[in-house]
Amino acid sequence: MLSRLLLGASVAWLALLTVTVLAAHPALTAIVGRFSSFICHQEPDRTFHIGNSAWAVCARCLGLYSAAPIGALMALTIAWRPVTARGNFLLLCIAGVPTGATWLAEHALGWPMTNVIRFAAALPLGAAVAWVMGYTLSDARRG
């Protein structure tokens, strides 16, 4: 039950972000942008734009949120799951390598990163976090 709620919430959040940027309605943009400011730095040069409208979150956050529904759906449908805390931790560490590597290359080494690279690097981590959360919340796990 809770894992289905996670799937619904992740789809709803991604849909809200998408509708906000496509509709470009000032009130909706302000509300979603303000809420998003608590979870994202929202730097304009690190954010995708559609026309004159910017997404409410940066490219990296958008990658996380775009992959979350996939990970949540996988938690509901795939039989194999990391059944231990160590397995979950290992999965999250491996999935976080692309995001960590691009962040480190950008901030420690000064290498320029495009928004597409930031977005793509965050996809594995977004899916893995939602998968672990979905599995943890899953009624099937409790037996």
Protein backbone atom coordinates (compact mmCIF):
# COMPACT_ATOMS: atom_id res chain seq x y z
CA MET A 1 0.00 0.00 0.00
CA LEU A 2 2.67 2.53 1.02
CA SER A 3 4.87 1.59 -1.91
CA ARG A 4 1.96 2.38 -4.26
CA LEU A 5 1.60 5.71 -2.48
CA LEU A 6 5.30 6.40 -3.16
CA LEU A 7 4.76 5.61 -6.84
CA GLY A 8 1.75 7.92 -7.00
CA ALA A 9 3.53 10.72 -5.16
CA SER A 10 6.62 10.52 -7.38
CA VAL A 11 4.48 10.59 -10.54
CA ALA A 12 2.39 13.47 -9.17
CA TRP A 13 5.47 15.53 -8.26
CA LEU A 14 7.04 15.01 -11.69
CA ALA A 15 3.71 15.87 -13.34
CA LEU A 16 3.40 19.04 -11.25
CA LEU A 17 6.91 20.13 -12.21
CA THR A 18 6.14 19.45 -15.88
CA VAL A 19 2.76 21.22 -15.87
CA THR A 20 4.30 24.20 -14.09
CA VAL A 21 6.97 24.75 -16.72
CA LEU A 22 4.64 24.08 -19.64
CA ALA A 23 1.75 26.22 -18.38
CA ALA A 24 4.01 29.08 -17.31
CA HIS A 25 1.16 30.41 -15.16
CA PRO A 26 2.60 33.07 -12.82
CA ALA A 27 0.75 31.95 -9.68
CA LEU A 28 1.49 28.25 -10.18
CA THR A 29 5.11 29.01 -11.05
CA ALA A 30 5.49 31.10 -7.89
CA ILE A 31 3.96 28.47 -5.60
CA VAL A 32 5.87 25.50 -7.01
CA GLY A 33 9.06 27.55 -7.29
CA ARG A 34 8.81 28.65 -3.65
CA PHE A 35 8.22 25.10 -2.43
CA SER A 36 11.04 23.79 -4.60
CA SER A 37 13.43 26.37 -3.18
CA PHE A 38 13.51 24.34 0.04
CA ILE A 39 14.91 21.30 -1.80
CA CYS A 40 16.93 22.79 -4.67
CA HIS A 41 19.32 25.69 -5.20
CA GLN A 42 17.50 26.63 -8.43
CA GLU A 43 20.50 28.29 -10.07
CA PRO A 44 19.31 29.53 -13.48
CA ASP A 45 22.40 28.37 -15.38
CA ARG A 46 21.94 24.85 -13.97
CA THR A 47 18.26 24.66 -14.82
CA PHE A 48 16.53 23.58 -18.01
CA HIS A 49 14.31 26.11 -19.73
CA ILE A 50 11.42 25.73 -22.12
CA GLY A 51 11.05 29.00 -23.94
CA ASN A 52 11.12 31.68 -21.26
CA SER A 53 10.01 29.26 -18.52
CA ALA A 54 12.51 27.60 -16.19
CA TRP A 55 11.89 24.32 -14.43
CA ALA A 56 11.33 24.76 -10.69
CA VAL A 57 14.34 22.54 -9.93
CA CYS A 58 17.85 22.24 -11.36
CA ALA A 59 18.81 19.66 -13.97
CA ARG A 60 20.32 17.30 -11.37
CA CYS A 61 17.18 17.38 -9.20
CA LEU A 62 15.02 16.91 -12.29
CA GLY A 63 17.04 13.77 -13.09
CA LEU A 64 16.40 12.44 -9.60
CA TYR A 65 12.67 13.15 -9.80
CA SER A 66 12.36 11.85 -13.37
CA ALA A 67 13.79 8.46 -12.43
CA ALA A 68 11.92 8.10 -9.13
CA PRO A 69 8.68 6.77 -10.66
CA ILE A 70 10.70 4.13 -12.52
CA GLY A 71 12.41 3.01 -9.31
CA ALA A 72 9.10 2.99 -7.40
CA LEU A 73 7.48 0.93 -10.15
CA MET A 74 10.43 -1.48 -10.12
CA ALA A 75 9.97 -1.95 -6.37
CA LEU A 76 6.40 -3.06 -7.02
CA THR A 77 7.12 -5.36 -9.96
CA ILE A 78 10.61 -6.87 -9.76
CA ALA A 79 11.04 -9.89 -7.54
CA TRP A 80 14.77 -9.50 -6.79
CA ARG A 81 15.51 -6.89 -4.19
CA PRO A 82 18.47 -6.12 -1.94
CA VAL A 83 17.08 -7.69 1.20
CA THR A 84 19.62 -6.38 3.67
CA ALA A 85 20.59 -2.94 4.85
CA ARG A 86 24.07 -3.61 3.47
CA GLY A 87 22.60 -4.53 0.06
CA ASN A 88 20.52 -1.35 0.01
CA PHE A 89 23.52 0.73 1.00
CA LEU A 90 25.68 -0.85 -1.69
CA LEU A 91 23.00 -0.28 -4.33
CA LEU A 92 22.69 3.39 -3.35
CA CYS A 93 26.47 3.85 -3.34
CA ILE A 94 26.83 2.35 -6.81
CA ALA A 95 23.87 4.34 -8.17
CA GLY A 96 25.32 7.51 -6.67
CA VAL A 97 28.68 7.18 -8.44
CA PRO A 98 27.69 9.10 -11.59
CA THR A 99 26.18 11.97 -9.58
CA GLY A 100 29.12 12.06 -7.18
CA ALA A 101 31.65 11.90 -9.99
CA THR A 102 30.09 14.73 -11.95
CA TRP A 103 29.68 16.87 -8.84
CA LEU A 104 33.31 16.25 -7.86
CA ALA A 105 34.61 16.90 -11.37
CA GLU A 106 32.65 20.12 -11.52
CA HIS A 107 33.38 21.51 -8.06
CA ALA A 108 36.80 20.09 -7.21
CA LEU A 109 38.39 19.98 -10.64
CA GLY A 110 36.53 22.87 -12.27
CA TRP A 111 35.42 20.82 -15.26
CA PRO A 112 32.39 22.30 -16.98
CA MET A 113 29.24 20.17 -16.94
CA THR A 114 26.19 20.61 -19.09
CA ASN A 115 22.67 20.33 -17.73
CA VAL A 116 22.18 17.21 -19.81
CA ILE A 117 25.14 15.55 -18.08
CA ARG A 118 23.87 16.61 -14.64
CA PHE A 119 20.40 15.27 -15.48
CA ALA A 120 21.64 11.95 -16.89
CA ALA A 121 24.08 11.34 -14.03
CA ALA A 122 21.28 11.69 -11.48
CA LEU A 123 18.95 9.16 -13.11
CA PRO A 124 20.47 6.00 -11.52
CA LEU A 125 20.42 7.54 -8.05
CA GLY A 126 16.83 8.73 -8.39
CA ALA A 127 15.68 5.28 -9.45
CA ALA A 128 17.70 3.51 -6.75
CA VAL A 129 16.45 5.74 -3.92
CA ALA A 130 12.84 5.22 -4.97
CA TRP A 131 13.42 1.49 -5.38
CA VAL A 132 14.90 1.14 -1.90
CA MET A 133 12.15 3.30 -0.41
CA GLY A 134 9.47 1.36 -2.28
CA TYR A 135 10.91 -1.94 -1.12
CA THR A 136 11.18 -0.70 2.46
CA LEU A 137 7.57 0.47 2.41
CA SER A 138 6.33 -2.61 0.58
CA ASP A 139 3.73 -4.77 2.24
CA ALA A 140 5.29 -7.80 0.50
CA ARG A 141 8.52 -7.29 2.43
CA ARG A 142 6.70 -7.67 5.72
CA GLY A 143 5.59 -11.11 4.62
